Each structure stands twice: as C-alpha cells, then as structure tokens.
Amino acid sequence: MPSETIGVIADRYATALFELADSSGSLDQVAGDLKTLQAMLRESADLRRVVDSPVLSREQQGAAIAAVAKAAGFSELTSKFLGLAAKNRRLFTLPGVIASYLGRLAARRGEKSATVASAVSLTPAQQDALTTALKAAFGGNVAVEVKVDPSLLGGLVVQVGSRMVDSSLKTKLQHLKLAMKGVG
C-alpha cells in the first residue's frame, strides 16, 4: 500500500480517536497509552511483526494486541480502539496514528513537537537541557520525543515541524566522502 494511502488512513483513525478521547475527557490518558505503545513498538521486534504481519489473521492480531493493551494497563478507549484497528486489519497504521494523534494534541495545546534522534540514550539531565534549548530557540512549549538511532554514530538529528538540524557524525562522514570523491 502506498505510504500516502497509509498516511490518510492513519490520519482518519487518529482523528476519530482524538474526537472520542476529547468527548470523554480522556485526551491525556489516551496520549499516555499511545506514547507507551510507541515505545513498545520501538523496543519490540516481535510486537512490530504482529502489527505489520499480513499473515496473521484478524483474530490472532486482535488477541495479541488485546493482551498487550491489558498487560500495559491501557484505558478502555485505547483498548477498544486497538481492537477495532485489528478487526479492520489496520494495525500496520499504528505508528502514523500515534504521530497524528500526538500532533493534534500538541496543536490543541499550542505546543510544537520535536523529534530528536541520538546515537546513544540521553541522560535525564541532557534531555532537560535539550528541551530547555529547544524552548528558547522555538519559543513556548515544545514536546520533545527522543529516539535512539545507533546508525548515527554520534551527534543529534533534531526535527521541529519542517525544520531539521542534522549534526550527526554519520551525515558529516557522508559529506566528507562526497567531497573526497570530487578531489582527484
């Protein structure tokens, strides 16, 4: 399925979930569930296989995601939503749904959302310093999501909205490699 189509489906699901959470006064609770799920997807190759697998039946995906939701202590709304996504064979859209939902919530609050990729895990003090620097640079509230990407080798890649700053060692080495090809 083309990525634009997946994005449209994910956005529709996120809109529906956001409206349900808003009407039931559980925007923050659902956001917390989705952030937990996002971390679980990032850390578990097995969970990613369950979510992405076209081989598993609706029932198998539904049972697996229900077990995950129960073990994680997700709210009833989040659990029902995940069950519906499994029933409709749309679990593969979850990363997009999560991003869209959290983006809507940030927009509602007047927050900018930043994604930071680093080669190694940042300490709490480093995360606080980074959040403070981003707030100063972009003004107001900035919701920061930190990911670990060992392929960066070192440095950071920071994205706020459509702006990106890439100070990773990987990119610097790629630029040097291109420059060296031009010499000689």
Protein backbone atom coordinates (compact mmCIF):
# COMPACT_ATOMS: atom_id res chain seq x y z
CA MET A 1 0.00 0.00 0.00
CA PRO A 2 1.47 3.43 -0.93
CA SER A 3 2.70 5.47 2.01
CA GLU A 4 0.34 8.37 1.15
CA THR A 5 -2.61 6.00 1.49
CA ILE A 6 -1.30 4.68 4.80
CA GLY A 7 -0.92 8.29 6.00
CA VAL A 8 -4.51 9.12 5.05
CA ILE A 9 -5.84 6.02 6.82
CA ALA A 10 -3.73 6.73 9.91
CA ASP A 11 -4.93 10.34 9.99
CA ARG A 12 -8.58 9.25 9.79
CA TYR A 13 -8.14 6.79 12.63
CA ALA A 14 -6.25 9.37 14.69
CA THR A 15 -9.00 11.96 14.11
CA ALA A 16 -11.69 9.52 15.24
CA LEU A 17 -9.71 8.50 18.33
CA PHE A 18 -8.94 12.14 19.17
CA GLU A 19 -12.60 13.13 18.93
CA LEU A 20 -13.69 10.20 21.10
CA ALA A 21 -11.00 10.95 23.68
CA ASP A 22 -11.90 14.65 23.64
CA SER A 23 -15.62 13.98 24.16
CA SER A 24 -14.89 11.59 27.03
CA GLY A 25 -12.31 13.88 28.66
CA SER A 26 -9.50 11.38 28.27
CA LEU A 27 -7.13 13.11 25.83
CA ASP A 28 -4.15 12.86 28.20
CA GLN A 29 -4.87 9.28 29.24
CA VAL A 30 -5.07 8.11 25.62
CA ALA A 31 -1.92 10.13 24.78
CA GLY A 32 -0.09 8.35 27.61
CA ASP A 33 -1.29 4.98 26.32
CA LEU A 34 -0.15 5.83 22.81
CA LYS A 35 3.28 7.00 23.99
CA THR A 36 3.67 3.73 25.89
CA LEU A 37 2.61 1.78 22.79
CA GLN A 38 5.03 3.81 20.66
CA ALA A 39 7.90 2.90 23.00
CA MET A 40 6.80 -0.75 23.00
CA LEU A 41 6.76 -0.81 19.19
CA ARG A 42 10.19 0.80 19.08
CA GLU A 43 11.68 -1.71 21.54
CA SER A 44 10.00 -4.97 20.49
CA ALA A 45 10.66 -6.56 17.12
CA ASP A 46 8.08 -9.23 17.99
CA LEU A 47 5.36 -6.63 18.54
CA ARG A 48 6.29 -4.89 15.29
CA ARG A 49 5.96 -8.24 13.48
CA VAL A 50 2.49 -8.80 14.99
CA VAL A 51 1.37 -5.31 13.98
CA ASP A 52 2.84 -5.46 10.46
CA SER A 53 2.15 -9.11 9.58
CA PRO A 54 -0.30 -9.75 6.75
CA VAL A 55 -0.03 -13.47 7.54
CA LEU A 56 -1.69 -13.32 10.97
CA SER A 57 -5.47 -13.46 10.99
CA ARG A 58 -7.67 -10.68 12.36
CA GLU A 59 -8.36 -12.87 15.38
CA GLN A 60 -4.67 -13.54 16.04
CA GLN A 61 -3.76 -9.86 15.74
CA GLY A 62 -6.76 -8.89 17.87
CA ALA A 63 -5.84 -11.37 20.61
CA ALA A 64 -2.20 -10.27 20.60
CA ILE A 65 -2.96 -6.54 20.73
CA ALA A 66 -5.62 -7.12 23.42
CA ALA A 67 -3.03 -8.95 25.54
CA VAL A 68 -0.57 -6.07 25.05
CA ALA A 69 -3.22 -3.49 25.98
CA LYS A 70 -4.23 -5.44 29.09
CA ALA A 71 -0.63 -6.00 30.22
CA ALA A 72 0.19 -2.32 29.71
CA GLY A 73 -2.95 -1.22 31.57
CA PHE A 74 -4.33 0.84 28.69
CA SER A 75 -7.61 2.67 29.12
CA GLU A 76 -10.82 1.13 27.87
CA LEU A 77 -10.99 3.60 24.97
CA THR A 78 -7.44 2.82 23.81
CA SER A 79 -8.03 -0.93 24.16
CA LYS A 80 -11.27 -0.77 22.16
CA PHE A 81 -9.57 1.37 19.52
CA LEU A 82 -6.74 -1.15 19.15
CA GLY A 83 -9.28 -3.97 18.90
CA LEU A 84 -11.12 -2.11 16.13
CA ALA A 85 -7.86 -1.46 14.28
CA ALA A 86 -7.05 -5.19 14.48
CA LYS A 87 -10.55 -6.15 13.34
CA ASN A 88 -10.25 -3.82 10.34
CA ARG A 89 -6.68 -5.04 9.57
CA ARG A 90 -5.24 -1.58 10.21
CA LEU A 91 -2.70 -2.26 12.96
CA PHE A 92 0.08 -1.51 10.48
CA THR A 93 -1.01 2.16 10.56
CA LEU A 94 -0.37 2.50 14.33
CA PRO A 95 2.89 4.47 14.07
CA GLY A 96 1.11 7.03 11.86
CA VAL A 97 -1.97 7.07 14.09
CA ILE A 98 0.18 7.73 17.16
CA ALA A 99 2.13 10.52 15.47
CA SER A 100 -1.05 12.14 14.14
CA TYR A 101 -2.87 11.92 17.49
CA LEU A 102 0.06 13.37 19.43
CA GLY A 103 0.45 16.10 16.80
CA ARG A 104 -3.21 17.07 17.15
CA LEU A 105 -2.89 17.17 20.93
CA ALA A 106 0.23 19.34 20.72
CA ALA A 107 -1.51 21.71 18.29
CA ARG A 108 -4.52 21.96 20.60
CA ARG A 109 -2.18 22.98 23.43
CA GLY A 110 -0.13 25.36 21.32
CA GLU A 111 2.92 23.12 21.59
CA LYS A 112 5.45 22.45 18.92
CA SER A 113 6.58 18.88 18.68
CA ALA A 114 10.23 17.98 18.29
CA THR A 115 11.79 14.66 17.42
CA VAL A 116 15.38 14.13 18.48
CA ALA A 117 17.45 11.17 17.35
CA SER A 118 20.73 10.43 19.10
CA ALA A 119 23.28 7.66 18.76
CA VAL A 120 23.04 6.78 22.46
CA SER A 121 20.41 7.25 25.16
CA LEU A 122 20.40 10.74 26.63
CA THR A 123 20.56 11.16 30.38
CA PRO A 124 17.65 12.94 32.07
CA ALA A 125 19.90 16.00 32.56
CA GLN A 126 20.78 16.02 28.83
CA GLN A 127 17.10 15.67 27.89
CA ASP A 128 16.19 18.58 30.19
CA ALA A 129 18.97 20.75 28.73
CA LEU A 130 17.86 19.87 25.20
CA THR A 131 14.20 20.67 25.99
CA THR A 132 15.22 23.99 27.54
CA ALA A 133 17.34 24.87 24.49
CA LEU A 134 14.52 23.97 22.09
CA LYS A 135 12.02 26.06 24.09
CA ALA A 136 14.40 29.01 23.92
CA ALA A 137 15.01 28.54 20.20
CA PHE A 138 11.41 27.99 19.14
CA GLY A 139 9.52 29.82 21.86
CA GLY A 140 6.75 28.45 24.03
CA ASN A 141 6.10 24.83 24.77
CA VAL A 142 7.99 22.15 22.92
CA ALA A 143 7.08 18.49 23.35
CA VAL A 144 10.27 16.50 22.79
CA GLU A 145 10.36 12.86 21.73
CA VAL A 146 13.81 11.28 21.96
CA LYS A 147 14.74 8.24 19.89
CA VAL A 148 17.96 6.23 19.84
CA ASP A 149 19.45 5.52 16.41
CA PRO A 150 22.86 3.82 16.73
CA SER A 151 23.49 4.27 12.99
CA LEU A 152 24.08 8.00 13.63
CA LEU A 153 27.42 7.08 15.31
CA GLY A 154 27.38 10.35 17.28
CA GLY A 155 25.67 13.74 17.45
CA LEU A 156 21.98 14.53 17.10
CA VAL A 157 19.29 14.94 14.49
CA VAL A 158 16.64 17.40 15.67
CA GLN A 159 13.39 17.97 13.80
CA VAL A 160 10.83 20.58 14.82
CA GLY A 161 7.99 20.81 12.34
CA SER A 162 9.52 21.05 8.88
CA ARG A 163 12.89 22.30 10.20
CA MET A 164 15.68 19.80 10.69
CA VAL A 165 19.19 20.17 12.11
CA ASP A 166 21.45 17.21 11.44
CA SER A 167 24.70 17.30 13.41
CA SER A 168 25.20 13.53 13.31
CA LEU A 169 28.60 12.03 12.70
CA LYS A 170 27.07 9.77 10.04
CA THR A 171 25.99 12.76 7.93
CA LYS A 172 29.32 14.53 8.42
CA LEU A 173 31.15 11.40 7.22
CA GLN A 174 28.83 11.15 4.19
CA HIS A 175 29.58 14.78 3.28
CA LEU A 176 33.30 14.15 3.66
CA LYS A 177 33.04 11.05 1.46
CA LEU A 178 31.27 13.06 -1.25
CA ALA A 179 33.86 15.82 -1.00
CA MET A 180 36.68 13.26 -1.33
CA LYS A 181 35.10 11.80 -4.49
CA GLY A 182 35.29 15.26 -6.09
CA VAL A 183 39.02 15.51 -5.39
CA GLY A 184 41.42 13.78 -7.72
